[in-house]
Amino acid sequence: MSAEQLTIEDLGRQLGERIAETPEYQRFESAQEAVENDEEVQEQIAEFEQLREEFMTARQSGQATQSDLHRVQNAQEELHSIPVMAEFLEAQEELEESLEAVNEAISEPLAVDFGGEAGGCCHD
């Protein structure tokens, strides 16, 4: 199929397939799988999410304290310090940087930030 016969959707699929083949995406996918398969990490994620949700509820009702905030921050730091989680976060950041470069390349010939504003309306 020649380039003239490809639809924008076809090109988008090809781009997605190529992104999935990049080292950044492969690293991210591997790190994500490691996090999902690590029972200890999953337990800590659940504990952190519970603590964060309790804090958000307390904050909405005006009952959250600075101590509560520090507890949430400490739990997050502890979670992020687990090697498998740290690897996931690094891989995620690397992939996001790579995708931002793709976004900029797509947006360059357009008069709009493809990833940030293309779907929006009425930006001042």
PDB file of N, CA and C in Angstrom:
ATOM      1  N   MET A   1       0.858  -1.181   0.000  1.00  0.00           N
ATOM      2  CA  MET A   1       0.000   0.000   0.000  1.00  0.00           C
ATOM      3  C   MET A   1       0.895   1.231   0.000  1.00  0.00           C
ATOM      4  N   SER A   2       0.655   2.168  -0.917  1.00  0.00           N
ATOM      5  CA  SER A   2       1.486   3.364  -0.993  1.00  0.00           C
ATOM      6  C   SER A   2       1.047   4.374   0.055  1.00  0.00           C
ATOM      7  N   ALA A   3       1.916   5.354   0.296  1.00  0.00           N
ATOM      8  CA  ALA A   3       1.641   6.377   1.306  1.00  0.00           C
ATOM      9  C   ALA A   3       0.375   7.159   0.970  1.00  0.00           C
ATOM     10  N   GLU A   4       0.092   7.344  -0.327  1.00  0.00           N
ATOM     11  CA  GLU A   4      -1.106   8.095  -0.717  1.00  0.00           C
ATOM     12  C   GLU A   4      -2.387   7.355  -0.364  1.00  0.00           C
ATOM     13  N   GLN A   5      -2.329   6.024  -0.311  1.00  0.00           N
ATOM     14  CA  GLN A   5      -3.510   5.221  -0.051  1.00  0.00           C
ATOM     15  C   GLN A   5      -3.763   5.020   1.444  1.00  0.00           C
ATOM     16  N   LEU A   6      -2.796   5.338   2.261  1.00  0.00           N
ATOM     17  CA  LEU A   6      -2.959   5.172   3.710  1.00  0.00           C
ATOM     18  C   LEU A   6      -3.859   6.261   4.269  1.00  0.00           C
ATOM     19  N   THR A   7      -4.769   5.866   5.137  1.00  0.00           N
ATOM     20  CA  THR A   7      -5.597   6.863   5.817  1.00  0.00           C
ATOM     21  C   THR A   7      -4.845   7.370   7.046  1.00  0.00           C
ATOM     22  N   ILE A   8      -5.334   8.425   7.594  1.00  0.00           N
ATOM     23  CA  ILE A   8      -4.740   8.954   8.826  1.00  0.00           C
ATOM     24  C   ILE A   8      -4.812   7.903   9.928  1.00  0.00           C
ATOM     25  N   GLU A   9      -5.910   7.158   9.967  1.00  0.00           N
ATOM     26  CA  GLU A   9      -6.055   6.096  10.965  1.00  0.00           C
ATOM     27  C   GLU A   9      -5.006   5.003  10.767  1.00  0.00           C
ATOM     28  N   ASP A  10      -4.739   4.654   9.496  1.00  0.00           N
ATOM     29  CA  ASP A  10      -3.701   3.660   9.196  1.00  0.00           C
ATOM     30  C   ASP A  10      -2.342   4.153   9.684  1.00  0.00           C
ATOM     31  N   LEU A  11      -2.051   5.403   9.406  1.00  0.00           N
ATOM     32  CA  LEU A  11      -0.783   5.982   9.851  1.00  0.00           C
ATOM     33  C   LEU A  11      -0.706   5.998  11.381  1.00  0.00           C
ATOM     34  N   GLY A  12      -1.822   6.294  12.015  1.00  0.00           N
ATOM     35  CA  GLY A  12      -1.866   6.287  13.484  1.00  0.00           C
ATOM     36  C   GLY A  12      -1.599   4.903  14.048  1.00  0.00           C
ATOM     37  N   ARG A  13      -2.194   3.877  13.417  1.00  0.00           N
ATOM     38  CA  ARG A  13      -1.950   2.490  13.845  1.00  0.00           C
ATOM     39  C   ARG A  13      -0.485   2.126  13.671  1.00  0.00           C
ATOM     40  N   GLN A  14       0.079   2.518  12.529  1.00  0.00           N
ATOM     41  CA  GLN A  14       1.493   2.237  12.283  1.00  0.00           C
ATOM     42  C   GLN A  14       2.375   2.933  13.317  1.00  0.00           C
ATOM     43  N   LEU A  15       2.026   4.160  13.640  1.00  0.00           N
ATOM     44  CA  LEU A  15       2.778   4.893  14.653  1.00  0.00           C
ATOM     45  C   LEU A  15       2.684   4.180  15.999  1.00  0.00           C
ATOM     46  N   GLY A  16       1.486   3.747  16.362  1.00  0.00           N
ATOM     47  CA  GLY A  16       1.312   3.009  17.618  1.00  0.00           C
ATOM     48  C   GLY A  16       2.128   1.728  17.642  1.00  0.00           C
ATOM     49  N   GLU A  17       2.136   1.018  16.528  1.00  0.00           N
ATOM     50  CA  GLU A  17       2.920  -0.221  16.439  1.00  0.00           C
ATOM     51  C   GLU A  17       4.413   0.065  16.571  1.00  0.00           C
ATOM     52  N   ARG A  18       4.870   1.148  15.954  1.00  0.00           N
ATOM     53  CA  ARG A  18       6.290   1.510  16.031  1.00  0.00           C
ATOM     54  C   ARG A  18       6.657   1.948  17.441  1.00  0.00           C
ATOM     55  N   ILE A  19       5.775   2.687  18.082  1.00  0.00           N
ATOM     56  CA  ILE A  19       6.028   3.101  19.468  1.00  0.00           C
ATOM     57  C   ILE A  19       6.142   1.871  20.361  1.00  0.00           C
ATOM     58  N   ALA A  20       5.271   0.880  20.143  1.00  0.00           N
ATOM     59  CA  ALA A  20       5.295  -0.345  20.947  1.00  0.00           C
ATOM     60  C   ALA A  20       6.596  -1.122  20.768  1.00  0.00           C
ATOM     61  N   GLU A  21       7.314  -0.874  19.690  1.00  0.00           N
ATOM     62  CA  GLU A  21       8.588  -1.555  19.432  1.00  0.00           C
ATOM     63  C   GLU A  21       9.786  -0.815  20.010  1.00  0.00           C
ATOM     64  N   THR A  22       9.587   0.398  20.527  1.00  0.00           N
ATOM     65  CA  THR A  22      10.716   1.182  21.028  1.00  0.00           C
ATOM     66  C   THR A  22      11.242   0.621  22.346  1.00  0.00           C
ATOM     67  N   PRO A  23      12.522   0.835  22.618  1.00  0.00           N
ATOM     68  CA  PRO A  23      13.085   0.397  23.900  1.00  0.00           C
ATOM     69  C   PRO A  23      12.378   1.038  25.096  1.00  0.00           C
ATOM     70  N   GLU A  24      11.964   2.295  24.947  1.00  0.00           N
ATOM     71  CA  GLU A  24      11.279   2.977  26.040  1.00  0.00           C
ATOM     72  C   GLU A  24       9.963   2.290  26.379  1.00  0.00           C
ATOM     73  N   TYR A  25       9.211   1.924  25.356  1.00  0.00           N
ATOM     74  CA  TYR A  25       7.939   1.261  25.600  1.00  0.00           C
ATOM     75  C   TYR A  25       8.158  -0.145  26.143  1.00  0.00           C
ATOM     76  N   GLN A  26       9.121  -0.861  25.595  1.00  0.00           N
ATOM     77  CA  GLN A  26       9.411  -2.215  26.061  1.00  0.00           C
ATOM     78  C   GLN A  26       9.824  -2.200  27.537  1.00  0.00           C
ATOM     79  N   ARG A  27      10.658  -1.224  27.904  1.00  0.00           N
ATOM     80  CA  ARG A  27      11.075  -1.098  29.304  1.00  0.00           C
ATOM     81  C   ARG A  27       9.874  -0.813  30.192  1.00  0.00           C
ATOM     82  N   PHE A  28       9.014   0.115  29.743  1.00  0.00           N
ATOM     83  CA  PHE A  28       7.824   0.460  30.514  1.00  0.00           C
ATOM     84  C   PHE A  28       6.927  -0.756  30.688  1.00  0.00           C
ATOM     85  N   GLU A  29       6.669  -1.476  29.619  1.00  0.00           N
ATOM     86  CA  GLU A  29       5.786  -2.636  29.672  1.00  0.00           C
ATOM     87  C   GLU A  29       6.339  -3.701  30.624  1.00  0.00           C
ATOM     88  N   SER A  30       7.630  -3.921  30.558  1.00  0.00           N
ATOM     89  CA  SER A  30       8.275  -4.905  31.429  1.00  0.00           C
ATOM     90  C   SER A  30       8.193  -4.469  32.889  1.00  0.00           C
ATOM     91  N   ALA A  31       8.456  -3.184  33.146  1.00  0.00           N
ATOM     92  CA  ALA A  31       8.407  -2.655  34.518  1.00  0.00           C
ATOM     93  C   ALA A  31       6.983  -2.696  35.056  1.00  0.00           C
ATOM     94  N   GLN A  32       6.010  -2.390  34.214  1.00  0.00           N
ATOM     95  CA  GLN A  32       4.614  -2.427  34.635  1.00  0.00           C
ATOM     96  C   GLN A  32       4.206  -3.846  35.008  1.00  0.00           C
ATOM     97  N   GLU A  33       4.616  -4.799  34.208  1.00  0.00           N
ATOM     98  CA  GLU A  33       4.308  -6.200  34.488  1.00  0.00           C
ATOM     99  C   GLU A  33       4.947  -6.641  35.811  1.00  0.00           C
ATOM    100  N   ALA A  34       6.180  -6.192  36.056  1.00  0.00           N
ATOM    101  CA  ALA A  34       6.861  -6.547  37.303  1.00  0.00           C
ATOM    102  C   ALA A  34       6.110  -5.994  38.510  1.00  0.00           C
ATOM    103  N   VAL A  35       5.620  -4.758  38.404  1.00  0.00           N
ATOM    104  CA  VAL A  35       4.849  -4.151  39.498  1.00  0.00           C
ATOM    105  C   VAL A  35       3.549  -4.918  39.703  1.00  0.00           C
ATOM    106  N   GLU A  36       2.867  -5.241  38.618  1.00  0.00           N
ATOM    107  CA  GLU A  36       1.592  -5.946  38.713  1.00  0.00           C
ATOM    108  C   GLU A  36       1.746  -7.340  39.315  1.00  0.00           C
ATOM    109  N   ASN A  37       2.893  -7.960  39.116  1.00  0.00           N
ATOM    110  CA  ASN A  37       3.109  -9.325  39.596  1.00  0.00           C
ATOM    111  C   ASN A  37       3.787  -9.401  40.958  1.00  0.00           C
ATOM    112  N   ASP A  38       4.112  -8.264  41.547  1.00  0.00           N
ATOM    113  CA  ASP A  38       4.777  -8.232  42.845  1.00  0.00           C
ATOM    114  C   ASP A  38       3.728  -8.031  43.945  1.00  0.00           C
ATOM    115  N   GLU A  39       3.461  -9.079  44.701  1.00  0.00           N
ATOM    116  CA  GLU A  39       2.408  -9.011  45.727  1.00  0.00           C
ATOM    117  C   GLU A  39       2.692  -7.954  46.785  1.00  0.00           C
ATOM    118  N   GLU A  40       3.956  -7.820  47.199  1.00  0.00           N
ATOM    119  CA  GLU A  40       4.317  -6.827  48.212  1.00  0.00           C
ATOM    120  C   GLU A  40       4.018  -5.418  47.714  1.00  0.00           C
ATOM    121  N   VAL A  41       4.398  -5.153  46.481  1.00  0.00           N
ATOM    122  CA  VAL A  41       4.146  -3.830  45.897  1.00  0.00           C
ATOM    123  C   VAL A  41       2.649  -3.590  45.779  1.00  0.00           C
ATOM    124  N   GLN A  42       1.908  -4.591  45.341  1.00  0.00           N
ATOM    125  CA  GLN A  42       0.465  -4.437  45.209  1.00  0.00           C
ATOM    126  C   GLN A  42      -0.188  -4.138  46.561  1.00  0.00           C
ATOM    127  N   GLU A  43       0.289  -4.792  47.617  1.00  0.00           N
ATOM    128  CA  GLU A  43      -0.231  -4.515  48.956  1.00  0.00           C
ATOM    129  C   GLU A  43       0.085  -3.085  49.377  1.00  0.00           C
ATOM    130  N   GLN A  44       1.322  -2.641  49.090  1.00  0.00           N
ATOM    131  CA  GLN A  44       1.690  -1.273  49.470  1.00  0.00           C
ATOM    132  C   GLN A  44       0.922  -0.243  48.648  1.00  0.00           C
ATOM    133  N   ILE A  45       0.666  -0.544  47.396  1.00  0.00           N
ATOM    134  CA  ILE A  45      -0.137   0.364  46.569  1.00  0.00           C
ATOM    135  C   ILE A  45      -1.537   0.479  47.165  1.00  0.00           C
ATOM    136  N   ALA A  46      -2.130  -0.648  47.529  1.00  0.00           N
ATOM    137  CA  ALA A  46      -3.476  -0.638  48.118  1.00  0.00           C
ATOM    138  C   ALA A  46      -3.484   0.137  49.431  1.00  0.00           C
ATOM    139  N   GLU A  47      -2.467  -0.068  50.263  1.00  0.00           N
ATOM    140  CA  GLU A  47      -2.385   0.665  51.534  1.00  0.00           C
ATOM    141  C   GLU A  47      -2.231   2.162  51.281  1.00  0.00           C
ATOM    142  N   PHE A  48      -1.369   2.519  50.335  1.00  0.00           N
ATOM    143  CA  PHE A  48      -1.178   3.931  50.014  1.00  0.00           C
ATOM    144  C   PHE A  48      -2.469   4.550  49.494  1.00  0.00           C
ATOM    145  N   GLU A  49      -3.143   3.858  48.579  1.00  0.00           N
ATOM    146  CA  GLU A  49      -4.392   4.385  48.022  1.00  0.00           C
ATOM    147  C   GLU A  49      -5.443   4.578  49.118  1.00  0.00           C
ATOM    148  N   GLN A  50      -5.520   3.650  50.049  1.00  0.00           N
ATOM    149  CA  GLN A  50      -6.462   3.768  51.169  1.00  0.00           C
ATOM    150  C   GLN A  50      -6.123   4.990  52.024  1.00  0.00           C
ATOM    151  N   LEU A  51      -4.846   5.138  52.345  1.00  0.00           N
ATOM    152  CA  LEU A  51      -4.397   6.280  53.146  1.00  0.00           C
ATOM    153  C   LEU A  51      -4.667   7.595  52.425  1.00  0.00           C
ATOM    154  N   ARG A  52      -4.389   7.616  51.135  1.00  0.00           N
ATOM    155  CA  ARG A  52      -4.620   8.833  50.343  1.00  0.00           C
ATOM    156  C   ARG A  52      -6.104   9.169  50.277  1.00  0.00           C
ATOM    157  N   GLU A  53      -6.927   8.150  50.087  1.00  0.00           N
ATOM    158  CA  GLU A  53      -8.372   8.377  50.028  1.00  0.00           C
ATOM    159  C   GLU A  53      -8.900   8.915  51.364  1.00  0.00           C
ATOM    160  N   GLU A  54      -8.413   8.342  52.463  1.00  0.00           N
ATOM    161  CA  GLU A  54      -8.814   8.833  53.791  1.00  0.00           C
ATOM    162  C   GLU A  54      -8.398  10.286  53.967  1.00  0.00           C
ATOM    163  N   PHE A  55      -7.192  10.620  53.504  1.00  0.00           N
ATOM    164  CA  PHE A  55      -6.722  11.999  53.604  1.00  0.00           C
ATOM    165  C   PHE A  55      -7.597  12.933  52.771  1.00  0.00           C
ATOM    166  N   MET A  56      -7.925  12.519  51.542  1.00  0.00           N
ATOM    167  CA  MET A  56      -8.752  13.368  50.674  1.00  0.00           C
ATOM    168  C   MET A  56     -10.131  13.596  51.298  1.00  0.00           C
ATOM    169  N   THR A  57     -10.697  12.574  51.903  1.00  0.00           N
ATOM    170  CA  THR A  57     -11.991  12.705  52.570  1.00  0.00           C
ATOM    171  C   THR A  57     -11.885  13.672  53.744  1.00  0.00           C
ATOM    172  N   ALA A  58     -10.833  13.523  54.530  1.00  0.00           N
ATOM    173  CA  ALA A  58     -10.620  14.417  55.674  1.00  0.00           C
ATOM    174  C   ALA A  58     -10.390  15.850  55.193  1.00  0.00           C
ATOM    175  N   ARG A  59      -9.673  16.009  54.104  1.00  0.00           N
ATOM    176  CA  ARG A  59      -9.414  17.354  53.571  1.00  0.00           C
ATOM    177  C   ARG A  59     -10.704  18.009  53.096  1.00  0.00           C
ATOM    178  N   GLN A  60     -11.565  17.230  52.438  1.00  0.00           N
ATOM    179  CA  GLN A  60     -12.838  17.780  51.958  1.00  0.00           C
ATOM    180  C   GLN A  60     -13.737  18.205  53.103  1.00  0.00           C
ATOM    181  N   SER A  61     -13.625  17.503  54.215  1.00  0.00           N
ATOM    182  CA  SER A  61     -14.457  17.863  55.364  1.00  0.00           C
ATOM    183  C   SER A  61     -13.761  18.861  56.284  1.00  0.00           C
ATOM    184  N   GLY A  62     -12.554  19.278  55.903  1.00  0.00           N
ATOM    185  CA  GLY A  62     -11.829  20.264  56.700  1.00  0.00           C
ATOM    186  C   GLY A  62     -11.161  19.680  57.928  1.00  0.00           C
ATOM    187  N   GLN A  63     -11.017  18.369  58.002  1.00  0.00           N
ATOM    188  CA  GLN A  63     -10.447  17.734  59.187  1.00  0.00           C
ATOM    189  C   GLN A  63      -9.029  17.212  58.965  1.00  0.00           C
ATOM    190  N   ALA A  64      -8.459  17.421  57.803  1.00  0.00           N
ATOM    191  CA  ALA A  64      -7.111  16.937  57.530  1.00  0.00           C
ATOM    192  C   ALA A  64      -6.091  17.806  58.258  1.00  0.00           C
ATOM    193  N   THR A  65      -5.085  17.152  58.773  1.00  0.00           N
ATOM    194  CA  THR A  65      -4.026  17.871  59.482  1.00  0.00           C
ATOM    195  C   THR A  65      -2.726  17.792  58.682  1.00  0.00           C
ATOM    196  N   GLN A  66      -1.774  18.597  59.080  1.00  0.00           N
ATOM    197  CA  GLN A  66      -0.450  18.557  58.462  1.00  0.00           C
ATOM    198  C   GLN A  66       0.188  17.184  58.702  1.00  0.00           C
ATOM    199  N   SER A  67      -0.071  16.623  59.851  1.00  0.00           N
ATOM    200  CA  SER A  67       0.430  15.285  60.188  1.00  0.00           C
ATOM    201  C   SER A  67      -0.140  14.240  59.224  1.00  0.00           C
ATOM    202  N   ASP A  68      -1.415  14.368  58.892  1.00  0.00           N
ATOM    203  CA  ASP A  68      -2.041  13.454  57.933  1.00  0.00           C
ATOM    204  C   ASP A  68      -1.360  13.569  56.570  1.00  0.00           C
ATOM    205  N   LEU A  69      -1.078  14.790  56.158  1.00  0.00           N
ATOM    206  CA  LEU A  69      -0.408  15.017  54.879  1.00  0.00           C
ATOM    207  C   LEU A  69       0.971  14.372  54.880  1.00  0.00           C
ATOM    208  N   HIS A  70       1.709  14.555  55.964  1.00  0.00           N
ATOM    209  CA  HIS A  70       3.045  13.956  56.063  1.00  0.00           C
ATOM    210  C   HIS A  70       2.976  12.435  56.025  1.00  0.00           C
ATOM    211  N   ARG A  71       1.961  11.868  56.631  1.00  0.00           N
ATOM    212  CA  ARG A  71       1.793  10.417  56.613  1.00  0.00           C
ATOM    213  C   ARG A  71       1.586   9.921  55.175  1.00  0.00           C
ATOM    214  N   VAL A  72       0.776  10.631  54.409  1.00  0.00           N
ATOM    215  CA  VAL A  72       0.539  10.264  53.009  1.00  0.00           C
ATOM    216  C   VAL A  72       1.836  10.415  52.207  1.00  0.00           C
ATOM    217  N   GLN A  73       2.535  11.521  52.416  1.00  0.00           N
ATOM    218  CA  GLN A  73       3.787  11.751  51.690  1.00  0.00           C
ATOM    219  C   GLN A  73       4.828  10.685  52.030  1.00  0.00           C
ATOM    220  N   ASN A  74       4.929  10.327  53.292  1.00  0.00           N
ATOM    221  CA  ASN A  74       5.884   9.293  53.706  1.00  0.00           C
ATOM    222  C   ASN A  74       5.528   7.939  53.097  1.00  0.00           C
ATOM    223  N   ALA A  75       4.240   7.618  53.059  1.00  0.00           N
ATOM    224  CA  ALA A  75       3.804   6.360  52.465  1.00  0.00           C
ATOM    225  C   ALA A  75       4.137   6.330  50.971  1.00  0.00           C
ATOM    226  N   GLN A  76       3.972   7.469  50.315  1.00  0.00           N
ATOM    227  CA  GLN A  76       4.288   7.542  48.890  1.00  0.00           C
ATOM    228  C   GLN A  76       5.790   7.385  48.669  1.00  0.00           C
ATOM    229  N   GLU A  77       6.584   8.049  49.486  1.00  0.00           N
ATOM    230  CA  GLU A  77       8.039   7.925  49.365  1.00  0.00           C
ATOM    231  C   GLU A  77       8.484   6.483  49.607  1.00  0.00           C
ATOM    232  N   GLU A  78       7.886   5.847  50.593  1.00  0.00           N
ATOM    233  CA  GLU A  78       8.212   4.453  50.891  1.00  0.00           C
ATOM    234  C   GLU A  78       7.856   3.546  49.712  1.00  0.00           C
ATOM    235  N   LEU A  79       6.677   3.767  49.139  1.00  0.00           N
ATOM    236  CA  LEU A  79       6.244   2.988  47.976  1.00  0.00           C
ATOM    237  C   LEU A  79       7.194   3.203  46.805  1.00  0.00           C
ATOM    238  N   HIS A  80       7.539   4.446  46.543  1.00  0.00           N
ATOM    239  CA  HIS A  80       8.399   4.774  45.407  1.00  0.00           C
ATOM    240  C   HIS A  80       9.833   4.304  45.591  1.00  0.00           C
ATOM    241  N   SER A  81      10.227   4.012  46.829  1.00  0.00           N
ATOM    242  CA  SER A  81      11.597   3.564  47.085  1.00  0.00           C
ATOM    243  C   SER A  81      11.779   2.057  46.876  1.00  0.00           C
ATOM    244  N   ILE A  82      10.696   1.328  46.727  1.00  0.00           N
ATOM    245  CA  ILE A  82      10.801  -0.108  46.442  1.00  0.00           C
ATOM    246  C   ILE A  82      11.418  -0.237  45.044  1.00  0.00           C
ATOM    247  N   PRO A  83      12.496  -1.000  44.903  1.00  0.00           N
ATOM    248  CA  PRO A  83      13.211  -1.044  43.615  1.00  0.00           C
ATOM    249  C   PRO A  83      12.332  -1.308  42.395  1.00  0.00           C
ATOM    250  N   VAL A  84      11.415  -2.252  42.462  1.00  0.00           N
ATOM    251  CA  VAL A  84      10.580  -2.557  41.300  1.00  0.00           C
ATOM    252  C   VAL A  84       9.659  -1.375  40.971  1.00  0.00           C
ATOM    253  N   MET A  85       9.208  -0.664  41.986  1.00  0.00           N
ATOM    254  CA  MET A  85       8.353   0.508  41.764  1.00  0.00           C
ATOM    255  C   MET A  85       9.182   1.674  41.226  1.00  0.00           C
ATOM    256  N   ALA A  86      10.386   1.847  41.755  1.00  0.00           N
ATOM    257  CA  ALA A  86      11.272   2.909  41.272  1.00  0.00           C
ATOM    258  C   ALA A  86      11.594   2.695  39.792  1.00  0.00           C
ATOM    259  N   GLU A  87      11.853   1.447  39.412  1.00  0.00           N
ATOM    260  CA  GLU A  87      12.128   1.123  38.006  1.00  0.00           C
ATOM    261  C   GLU A  87      10.908   1.458  37.141  1.00  0.00           C
ATOM    262  N   PHE A  88       9.714   1.113  37.619  1.00  0.00           N
ATOM    263  CA  PHE A  88       8.493   1.423  36.880  1.00  0.00           C
ATOM    264  C   PHE A  88       8.351   2.932  36.679  1.00  0.00           C
ATOM    265  N   LEU A  89       8.567   3.704  37.741  1.00  0.00           N
ATOM    266  CA  LEU A  89       8.409   5.156  37.643  1.00  0.00           C
ATOM    267  C   LEU A  89       9.434   5.772  36.693  1.00  0.00           C
ATOM    268  N   GLU A  90      10.656   5.261  36.718  1.00  0.00           N
ATOM    269  CA  GLU A  90      11.686   5.747  35.786  1.00  0.00           C
ATOM    270  C   GLU A  90      11.312   5.399  34.350  1.00  0.00           C
ATOM    271  N   ALA A  91      10.855   4.180  34.136  1.00  0.00           N
ATOM    272  CA  ALA A  91      10.457   3.744  32.789  1.00  0.00           C
ATOM    273  C   ALA A  91       9.267   4.567  32.290  1.00  0.00           C
ATOM    274  N   GLN A  92       8.329   4.844  33.186  1.00  0.00           N
ATOM    275  CA  GLN A  92       7.165   5.638  32.820  1.00  0.00           C
ATOM    276  C   GLN A  92       7.586   7.052  32.417  1.00  0.00           C
ATOM    277  N   GLU A  93       8.481   7.649  33.172  1.00  0.00           N
ATOM    278  CA  GLU A  93       8.956   9.001  32.858  1.00  0.00           C
ATOM    279  C   GLU A  93       9.688   9.026  31.516  1.00  0.00           C
ATOM    280  N   GLU A  94      10.517   8.017  31.279  1.00  0.00           N
ATOM    281  CA  GLU A  94      11.247   7.927  30.020  1.00  0.00           C
ATOM    282  C   GLU A  94      10.278   7.794  28.837  1.00  0.00           C
ATOM    283  N   LEU A  95       9.250   6.969  28.991  1.00  0.00           N
ATOM    284  CA  LEU A  95       8.257   6.802  27.930  1.00  0.00           C
ATOM    285  C   LEU A  95       7.494   8.100  27.707  1.00  0.00           C
ATOM    286  N   GLU A  96       7.109   8.773  28.780  1.00  0.00           N
ATOM    287  CA  GLU A  96       6.388  10.039  28.643  1.00  0.00           C
ATOM    288  C   GLU A  96       7.225  11.077  27.899  1.00  0.00           C
ATOM    289  N   GLU A  97       8.526  11.125  28.177  1.00  0.00           N
ATOM    290  CA  GLU A  97       9.405  12.059  27.464  1.00  0.00           C
ATOM    291  C   GLU A  97       9.463  11.708  25.979  1.00  0.00           C
ATOM    292  N   SER A  98       9.546  10.423  25.677  1.00  0.00           N
ATOM    293  CA  SER A  98       9.577   9.971  24.297  1.00  0.00           C
ATOM    294  C   SER A  98       8.273  10.328  23.578  1.00  0.00           C
ATOM    295  N   LEU A  99       7.149  10.102  24.249  1.00  0.00           N
ATOM    296  CA  LEU A  99       5.853  10.415  23.642  1.00  0.00           C
ATOM    297  C   LEU A  99       5.652  11.921  23.486  1.00  0.00           C
ATOM    298  N   GLU A 100       6.231  12.702  24.375  1.00  0.00           N
ATOM    299  CA  GLU A 100       6.151  14.165  24.238  1.00  0.00           C
ATOM    300  C   GLU A 100       6.907  14.604  22.989  1.00  0.00           C
ATOM    301  N   ALA A 101       8.042  13.965  22.703  1.00  0.00           N
ATOM    302  CA  ALA A 101       8.786  14.278  21.483  1.00  0.00           C
ATOM    303  C   ALA A 101       7.959  13.924  20.248  1.00  0.00           C
ATOM    304  N   VAL A 102       7.237  12.808  20.298  1.00  0.00           N
ATOM    305  CA  VAL A 102       6.352  12.416  19.196  1.00  0.00           C
ATOM    306  C   VAL A 102       5.239  13.452  19.049  1.00  0.00           C
ATOM    307  N   ASN A 103       4.656  13.870  20.178  1.00  0.00           N
ATOM    308  CA  ASN A 103       3.610  14.887  20.166  1.00  0.00           C
ATOM    309  C   ASN A 103       4.110  16.165  19.502  1.00  0.00           C
ATOM    310  N   GLU A 104       5.314  16.587  19.854  1.00  0.00           N
ATOM    311  CA  GLU A 104       5.876  17.809  19.270  1.00  0.00           C
ATOM    312  C   GLU A 104       6.089  17.651  17.771  1.00  0.00           C
ATOM    313  N   ALA A 105       6.557  16.465  17.342  1.00  0.00           N
ATOM    314  CA  ALA A 105       6.775  16.223  15.914  1.00  0.00           C
ATOM    315  C   ALA A 105       5.455  16.258  15.147  1.00  0.00           C
ATOM    316  N   ILE A 106       4.404  15.699  15.737  1.00  0.00           N
ATOM    317  CA  ILE A 106       3.091  15.715  15.081  1.00  0.00           C
ATOM    318  C   ILE A 106       2.519  17.128  15.075  1.00  0.00           C
ATOM    319  N   SER A 107       2.695  17.844  16.167  1.00  0.00           N
ATOM    320  CA  SER A 107       2.118  19.170  16.310  1.00  0.00           C
ATOM    321  C   SER A 107       2.824  20.228  15.475  1.00  0.00           C
ATOM    322  N   GLU A 108       4.099  20.015  15.184  1.00  0.00           N
ATOM    323  CA  GLU A 108       4.893  21.030  14.492  1.00  0.00           C
ATOM    324  C   GLU A 108       4.241  21.557  13.215  1.00  0.00           C
ATOM    325  N   PRO A 109       3.785  20.694  12.301  1.00  0.00           N
ATOM    326  CA  PRO A 109       3.181  21.235  11.080  1.00  0.00           C
ATOM    327  C   PRO A 109       1.751  21.740  11.284  1.00  0.00           C
ATOM    328  N   LEU A 110       1.176  21.448  12.428  1.00  0.00           N
ATOM    329  CA  LEU A 110      -0.177  21.894  12.730  1.00  0.00           C
ATOM    330  C   LEU A 110      -0.103  23.179  13.549  1.00  0.00           C
ATOM    331  N   ALA A 111      -1.168  23.883  13.612  1.00  0.00           N
ATOM    332  CA  ALA A 111      -1.190  25.114  14.396  1.00  0.00           C
ATOM    333  C   ALA A 111      -1.760  24.852  15.781  1.00  0.00           C
ATOM    334  N   VAL A 112      -1.540  23.638  16.306  1.00  0.00           N
ATOM    335  CA  VAL A 112      -2.140  23.272  17.579  1.00  0.00           C
ATOM    336  C   VAL A 112      -1.275  22.195  18.234  1.00  0.00           C
ATOM    337  N   ASP A 113      -1.279  22.172  19.549  1.00  0.00           N
ATOM    338  CA  ASP A 113      -0.618  21.113  20.304  1.00  0.00           C
ATOM    339  C   ASP A 113      -1.477  19.871  20.183  1.00  0.00           C
ATOM    340  N   PHE A 114      -1.050  18.932  19.343  1.00  0.00           N
ATOM    341  CA  PHE A 114      -1.846  17.748  19.021  1.00  0.00           C
ATOM    342  C   PHE A 114      -2.301  17.005  20.272  1.00  0.00           C
ATOM    343  N   GLY A 115      -1.386  16.705  21.160  1.00  0.00           N
ATOM    344  CA  GLY A 115      -1.719  15.917  22.347  1.00  0.00           C
ATOM    345  C   GLY A 115      -2.415  16.704  23.423  1.00  0.00           C
ATOM    346  N   GLY A 116      -2.219  18.012  23.465  1.00  0.00           N
ATOM    347  CA  GLY A 116      -2.762  18.795  24.567  1.00  0.00           C
ATOM    348  C   GLY A 116      -4.024  19.559  24.246  1.00  0.00           C
ATOM    349  N   GLU A 117      -4.146  20.055  23.019  1.00  0.00           N
ATOM    350  CA  GLU A 117      -5.267  20.945  22.736  1.00  0.00           C
ATOM    351  C   GLU A 117      -6.109  20.536  21.543  1.00  0.00           C
ATOM    352  N   ALA A 118      -5.692  19.588  20.777  1.00  0.00           N
ATOM    353  CA  ALA A 118      -6.405  19.266  19.537  1.00  0.00           C
ATOM    354  C   ALA A 118      -7.847  18.891  19.776  1.00  0.00           C
ATOM    355  N   GLY A 119      -8.123  18.237  20.899  1.00  0.00           N
ATOM    356  CA  GLY A 119      -9.492  17.812  21.162  1.00  0.00           C
ATOM    357  C   GLY A 119     -10.312  18.864  21.879  1.00  0.00           C
ATOM    358  N   GLY A 120      -9.667  19.921  22.306  1.00  0.00           N
ATOM    359  CA  GLY A 120     -10.370  20.934  23.095  1.00  0.00           C
ATOM    360  C   GLY A 120     -11.024  21.982  22.230  1.00  0.00           C
ATOM    361  N   CYS A 121     -11.735  22.840  22.874  1.00  0.00           N
ATOM    362  CA  CYS A 121     -12.430  23.925  22.200  1.00  0.00           C
ATOM    363  C   CYS A 121     -12.079  25.226  22.880  1.00  0.00           C
ATOM    364  N   CYS A 122     -12.004  26.248  22.137  1.00  0.00           N
ATOM    365  CA  CYS A 122     -11.972  27.610  22.685  1.00  0.00           C
ATOM    366  C   CYS A 122     -10.891  27.832  23.739  1.00  0.00           C
ATOM    367  N   HIS A 123      -9.636  27.677  23.352  1.00  0.00           N
ATOM    368  CA  HIS A 123      -8.524  27.984  24.263  1.00  0.00           C
ATOM    369  C   HIS A 123      -8.075  29.414  24.021  1.00  0.00           C
ATOM    370  N   ASP A 124      -7.949  30.166  25.088  1.00  0.00           N
ATOM    371  CA  ASP A 124      -7.477  31.558  24.954  1.00  0.00           C
ATOM    372  C   ASP A 124      -6.002  31.645  25.234  1.00  0.00           C
TER     373      ASP A 124
END
